[in-house]
């Protein structure tokens, strides 16, 4: 299992979420985003699920945990980190 955390700096555009989900679908590994909302409710989203990605509100300031598990987990994680770094509003933690 591979894990990376980042903080959302601004709101997501629906098209950006669709691109991320489509990219994630090209991998065999399970790809999950986990975060806690302002009401302390934990959300777990399958990044490959287009509906899951566009229906869950993820607001600026949210700490996201991206995890991958499977045969190509490292490649999936590295590719999605690269994708997230190009999407406005996302900033990886150092």
N, C-alpha and C. Protein backbone atom coordinates (compact mmCIF):
# COMPACT_ATOMS: atom_id res chain seq x y z
N UNK A 1 0.86 -1.18 0.00
CA UNK A 1 0.00 0.00 0.00
C UNK A 1 0.90 1.24 0.00
N UNK A 2 0.53 2.20 -0.83
CA UNK A 2 1.24 3.47 -0.92
C UNK A 2 0.28 4.58 -0.53
N UNK A 3 0.80 5.62 0.17
CA UNK A 3 -0.05 6.69 0.67
C UNK A 3 0.63 8.04 0.43
N UNK A 4 -0.18 9.04 0.07
CA UNK A 4 0.30 10.41 -0.09
C UNK A 4 -0.79 11.34 0.42
N UNK A 5 -0.41 12.39 1.13
CA UNK A 5 -1.39 13.37 1.63
C UNK A 5 -1.14 14.73 1.01
N UNK A 6 -2.23 15.46 0.80
CA UNK A 6 -2.15 16.82 0.28
C UNK A 6 -3.34 17.61 0.78
N UNK A 7 -3.28 18.93 0.63
CA UNK A 7 -4.37 19.81 1.06
C UNK A 7 -4.94 20.51 -0.17
N UNK A 8 -6.25 20.50 -0.27
CA UNK A 8 -6.95 21.17 -1.36
C UNK A 8 -6.90 22.68 -1.10
N UNK A 9 -6.39 23.43 -2.06
CA UNK A 9 -6.24 24.87 -1.89
C UNK A 9 -7.45 25.67 -2.39
N UNK A 10 -8.19 25.12 -3.36
CA UNK A 10 -9.40 25.78 -3.86
C UNK A 10 -10.36 24.70 -4.38
N UNK A 11 -11.57 25.12 -4.71
CA UNK A 11 -12.60 24.17 -5.12
C UNK A 11 -12.23 23.45 -6.42
N UNK A 12 -12.68 22.22 -6.56
CA UNK A 12 -12.46 21.43 -7.76
C UNK A 12 -13.47 21.83 -8.84
N UNK A 13 -13.02 21.82 -10.07
CA UNK A 13 -13.94 21.93 -11.21
C UNK A 13 -14.38 20.51 -11.56
N UNK A 14 -15.61 20.35 -11.99
CA UNK A 14 -16.12 19.02 -12.31
C UNK A 14 -15.27 18.34 -13.39
N UNK A 15 -14.84 19.07 -14.39
CA UNK A 15 -14.04 18.50 -15.46
C UNK A 15 -12.70 17.95 -14.93
N UNK A 16 -12.12 18.63 -13.96
CA UNK A 16 -10.86 18.17 -13.37
C UNK A 16 -11.06 16.84 -12.64
N UNK A 17 -12.18 16.72 -11.93
CA UNK A 17 -12.48 15.48 -11.22
C UNK A 17 -12.71 14.33 -12.20
N UNK A 18 -13.35 14.63 -13.32
CA UNK A 18 -13.58 13.62 -14.35
C UNK A 18 -12.25 13.15 -14.93
N UNK A 19 -11.34 14.08 -15.19
CA UNK A 19 -10.03 13.71 -15.73
C UNK A 19 -9.26 12.82 -14.75
N UNK A 20 -9.29 13.17 -13.48
CA UNK A 20 -8.59 12.38 -12.47
C UNK A 20 -9.19 10.97 -12.39
N UNK A 21 -10.51 10.87 -12.39
CA UNK A 21 -11.17 9.58 -12.32
C UNK A 21 -10.85 8.73 -13.54
N UNK A 22 -10.88 9.33 -14.72
CA UNK A 22 -10.57 8.60 -15.95
C UNK A 22 -9.13 8.09 -15.93
N UNK A 23 -8.21 8.91 -15.47
CA UNK A 23 -6.82 8.51 -15.38
C UNK A 23 -6.67 7.34 -14.39
N UNK A 24 -7.32 7.45 -13.25
CA UNK A 24 -7.25 6.39 -12.24
C UNK A 24 -7.76 5.06 -12.79
N UNK A 25 -8.74 5.11 -13.67
CA UNK A 25 -9.33 3.89 -14.22
C UNK A 25 -8.37 3.11 -15.11
N UNK A 26 -7.27 3.73 -15.50
CA UNK A 26 -6.30 3.04 -16.35
C UNK A 26 -5.39 2.12 -15.55
N UNK A 27 -5.51 2.12 -14.22
CA UNK A 27 -4.67 1.29 -13.36
C UNK A 27 -5.45 0.11 -12.81
N UNK A 28 -4.74 -0.97 -12.52
CA UNK A 28 -5.34 -2.16 -11.93
C UNK A 28 -5.57 -1.97 -10.43
N UNK A 29 -4.67 -1.24 -9.79
CA UNK A 29 -4.71 -1.05 -8.33
C UNK A 29 -5.98 -0.34 -7.86
N UNK A 30 -6.32 -0.62 -6.61
CA UNK A 30 -7.38 0.11 -5.93
C UNK A 30 -6.83 1.50 -5.60
N UNK A 31 -7.60 2.54 -5.89
CA UNK A 31 -7.17 3.92 -5.63
C UNK A 31 -8.27 4.61 -4.84
N UNK A 32 -7.93 5.03 -3.63
CA UNK A 32 -8.92 5.56 -2.69
C UNK A 32 -8.48 6.94 -2.21
N UNK A 33 -9.46 7.83 -2.07
CA UNK A 33 -9.24 9.12 -1.39
C UNK A 33 -10.05 9.08 -0.11
N UNK A 34 -9.41 9.49 0.99
CA UNK A 34 -10.07 9.56 2.29
C UNK A 34 -9.91 10.97 2.84
N UNK A 35 -10.98 11.51 3.40
CA UNK A 35 -10.90 12.81 4.05
C UNK A 35 -12.01 12.95 5.07
N UNK A 36 -11.84 13.90 5.98
CA UNK A 36 -12.84 14.19 7.00
C UNK A 36 -13.40 15.57 6.71
N UNK A 37 -14.74 15.68 6.70
CA UNK A 37 -15.37 16.96 6.42
C UNK A 37 -15.42 17.82 7.70
N UNK A 38 -15.87 19.08 7.58
CA UNK A 38 -15.91 19.97 8.75
C UNK A 38 -16.77 19.46 9.91
N UNK A 39 -17.70 18.52 9.63
CA UNK A 39 -18.55 17.95 10.68
C UNK A 39 -17.96 16.66 11.26
N UNK A 40 -16.68 16.41 10.97
CA UNK A 40 -15.96 15.21 11.43
C UNK A 40 -16.52 13.90 10.88
N UNK A 41 -17.15 13.96 9.72
CA UNK A 41 -17.60 12.75 9.03
C UNK A 41 -16.51 12.31 8.08
N UNK A 42 -16.11 11.05 8.17
CA UNK A 42 -15.07 10.54 7.28
C UNK A 42 -15.70 10.09 5.95
N UNK A 43 -15.06 10.46 4.86
CA UNK A 43 -15.51 10.08 3.52
C UNK A 43 -14.43 9.25 2.87
N UNK A 44 -14.83 8.17 2.23
CA UNK A 44 -13.93 7.31 1.49
C UNK A 44 -14.48 7.23 0.07
N UNK A 45 -13.65 7.63 -0.90
CA UNK A 45 -14.09 7.68 -2.29
C UNK A 45 -13.18 6.81 -3.14
N UNK A 46 -13.79 5.95 -3.93
CA UNK A 46 -13.06 5.20 -4.94
C UNK A 46 -12.80 6.17 -6.09
N UNK A 47 -11.54 6.50 -6.33
CA UNK A 47 -11.20 7.51 -7.33
C UNK A 47 -11.62 7.06 -8.73
N UNK A 48 -11.74 5.77 -8.95
CA UNK A 48 -12.18 5.26 -10.25
C UNK A 48 -13.67 5.46 -10.47
N UNK A 49 -14.41 5.75 -9.42
CA UNK A 49 -15.85 5.97 -9.51
C UNK A 49 -16.13 7.40 -9.91
N UNK A 50 -16.58 7.58 -11.13
CA UNK A 50 -16.87 8.91 -11.63
C UNK A 50 -17.92 9.60 -10.77
N UNK A 51 -18.99 8.90 -10.43
CA UNK A 51 -20.03 9.49 -9.58
C UNK A 51 -19.50 9.82 -8.19
N UNK A 52 -18.70 8.93 -7.64
CA UNK A 52 -18.12 9.18 -6.33
C UNK A 52 -17.29 10.44 -6.32
N UNK A 53 -16.53 10.65 -7.37
CA UNK A 53 -15.66 11.82 -7.45
C UNK A 53 -16.44 13.12 -7.63
N UNK A 54 -17.49 13.11 -8.43
CA UNK A 54 -18.17 14.38 -8.70
C UNK A 54 -19.30 14.69 -7.73
N UNK A 55 -19.75 13.70 -6.97
CA UNK A 55 -20.87 13.95 -6.05
C UNK A 55 -20.45 14.30 -4.63
N UNK A 56 -19.24 13.98 -4.24
CA UNK A 56 -18.78 14.30 -2.88
C UNK A 56 -18.14 15.69 -2.86
N UNK A 57 -18.66 16.59 -2.07
CA UNK A 57 -18.06 17.93 -2.00
C UNK A 57 -16.72 17.88 -1.24
N UNK A 58 -15.67 18.33 -1.91
CA UNK A 58 -14.36 18.42 -1.28
C UNK A 58 -13.96 19.88 -1.33
N UNK A 59 -13.94 20.53 -0.19
CA UNK A 59 -13.75 21.97 -0.12
C UNK A 59 -12.30 22.36 0.12
N UNK A 60 -12.00 23.61 -0.21
CA UNK A 60 -10.67 24.17 0.03
C UNK A 60 -10.29 23.98 1.49
N UNK A 61 -9.04 23.64 1.73
CA UNK A 61 -8.55 23.43 3.09
C UNK A 61 -8.67 21.99 3.57
N UNK A 62 -9.31 21.14 2.78
CA UNK A 62 -9.48 19.74 3.15
C UNK A 62 -8.17 18.97 2.97
N UNK A 63 -7.81 18.20 3.98
CA UNK A 63 -6.63 17.33 3.90
C UNK A 63 -7.08 16.00 3.31
N UNK A 64 -6.48 15.65 2.19
CA UNK A 64 -6.84 14.43 1.46
C UNK A 64 -5.73 13.40 1.62
N UNK A 65 -6.14 12.16 1.81
CA UNK A 65 -5.18 11.05 1.84
C UNK A 65 -5.47 10.18 0.62
N UNK A 66 -4.49 10.09 -0.26
CA UNK A 66 -4.58 9.27 -1.46
C UNK A 66 -3.84 7.97 -1.20
N UNK A 67 -4.51 6.85 -1.37
CA UNK A 67 -3.84 5.57 -1.15
C UNK A 67 -4.09 4.64 -2.34
N UNK A 68 -3.06 3.88 -2.66
CA UNK A 68 -3.14 2.91 -3.75
C UNK A 68 -2.72 1.55 -3.22
N UNK A 69 -3.35 0.52 -3.74
CA UNK A 69 -3.02 -0.84 -3.32
C UNK A 69 -3.22 -1.77 -4.51
N UNK A 70 -2.16 -2.51 -4.84
CA UNK A 70 -2.27 -3.47 -5.92
C UNK A 70 -1.00 -3.60 -6.72
N UNK A 71 -1.13 -4.30 -7.83
CA UNK A 71 -0.02 -4.66 -8.68
C UNK A 71 0.79 -3.45 -9.17
N UNK A 72 0.11 -2.38 -9.55
CA UNK A 72 0.78 -1.19 -10.09
C UNK A 72 0.62 0.02 -9.17
N UNK A 73 0.61 -0.24 -7.86
CA UNK A 73 0.32 0.81 -6.88
C UNK A 73 1.30 1.98 -6.92
N UNK A 74 2.59 1.69 -7.09
CA UNK A 74 3.57 2.78 -7.11
C UNK A 74 3.39 3.65 -8.36
N UNK A 75 3.23 3.02 -9.50
CA UNK A 75 3.00 3.78 -10.73
C UNK A 75 1.71 4.59 -10.65
N UNK A 76 0.66 3.99 -10.10
CA UNK A 76 -0.62 4.69 -9.95
C UNK A 76 -0.47 5.90 -9.04
N UNK A 77 0.20 5.71 -7.91
CA UNK A 77 0.38 6.81 -6.97
C UNK A 77 1.20 7.94 -7.61
N UNK A 78 2.31 7.59 -8.22
CA UNK A 78 3.17 8.60 -8.83
C UNK A 78 2.44 9.36 -9.95
N UNK A 79 1.68 8.64 -10.75
CA UNK A 79 0.93 9.27 -11.85
C UNK A 79 -0.14 10.21 -11.32
N UNK A 80 -0.86 9.77 -10.30
CA UNK A 80 -1.92 10.62 -9.75
C UNK A 80 -1.36 11.81 -8.99
N UNK A 81 -0.24 11.64 -8.31
CA UNK A 81 0.41 12.79 -7.66
C UNK A 81 0.78 13.81 -8.72
N UNK A 82 1.35 13.33 -9.84
CA UNK A 82 1.70 14.22 -10.94
C UNK A 82 0.46 14.92 -11.49
N UNK A 83 -0.61 14.17 -11.64
CA UNK A 83 -1.87 14.75 -12.13
C UNK A 83 -2.40 15.79 -11.14
N UNK A 84 -2.41 15.46 -9.87
CA UNK A 84 -2.89 16.40 -8.86
C UNK A 84 -2.04 17.67 -8.84
N UNK A 85 -0.76 17.54 -9.08
CA UNK A 85 0.11 18.72 -9.05
C UNK A 85 -0.17 19.66 -10.22
N UNK A 86 -0.80 19.14 -11.29
CA UNK A 86 -1.15 19.98 -12.44
C UNK A 86 -2.56 20.54 -12.36
N UNK A 87 -3.37 20.02 -11.45
CA UNK A 87 -4.75 20.49 -11.30
C UNK A 87 -4.75 21.72 -10.40
N UNK A 88 -5.26 22.85 -10.88
CA UNK A 88 -5.32 24.03 -10.01
C UNK A 88 -6.10 23.71 -8.73
N UNK A 89 -5.62 24.21 -7.63
CA UNK A 89 -6.33 24.00 -6.37
C UNK A 89 -5.76 22.89 -5.53
N UNK A 90 -4.81 22.14 -6.07
CA UNK A 90 -4.22 21.05 -5.30
C UNK A 90 -2.77 21.37 -4.98
N UNK A 91 -2.39 21.10 -3.77
CA UNK A 91 -1.00 21.33 -3.37
C UNK A 91 -0.55 20.17 -2.52
N UNK A 92 0.49 19.50 -2.95
CA UNK A 92 1.03 18.38 -2.18
C UNK A 92 1.72 18.90 -0.94
N UNK A 93 1.65 18.13 0.13
CA UNK A 93 2.36 18.48 1.35
C UNK A 93 3.79 17.99 1.24
N UNK A 94 4.71 18.73 1.81
CA UNK A 94 6.12 18.35 1.78
C UNK A 94 6.56 17.89 3.14
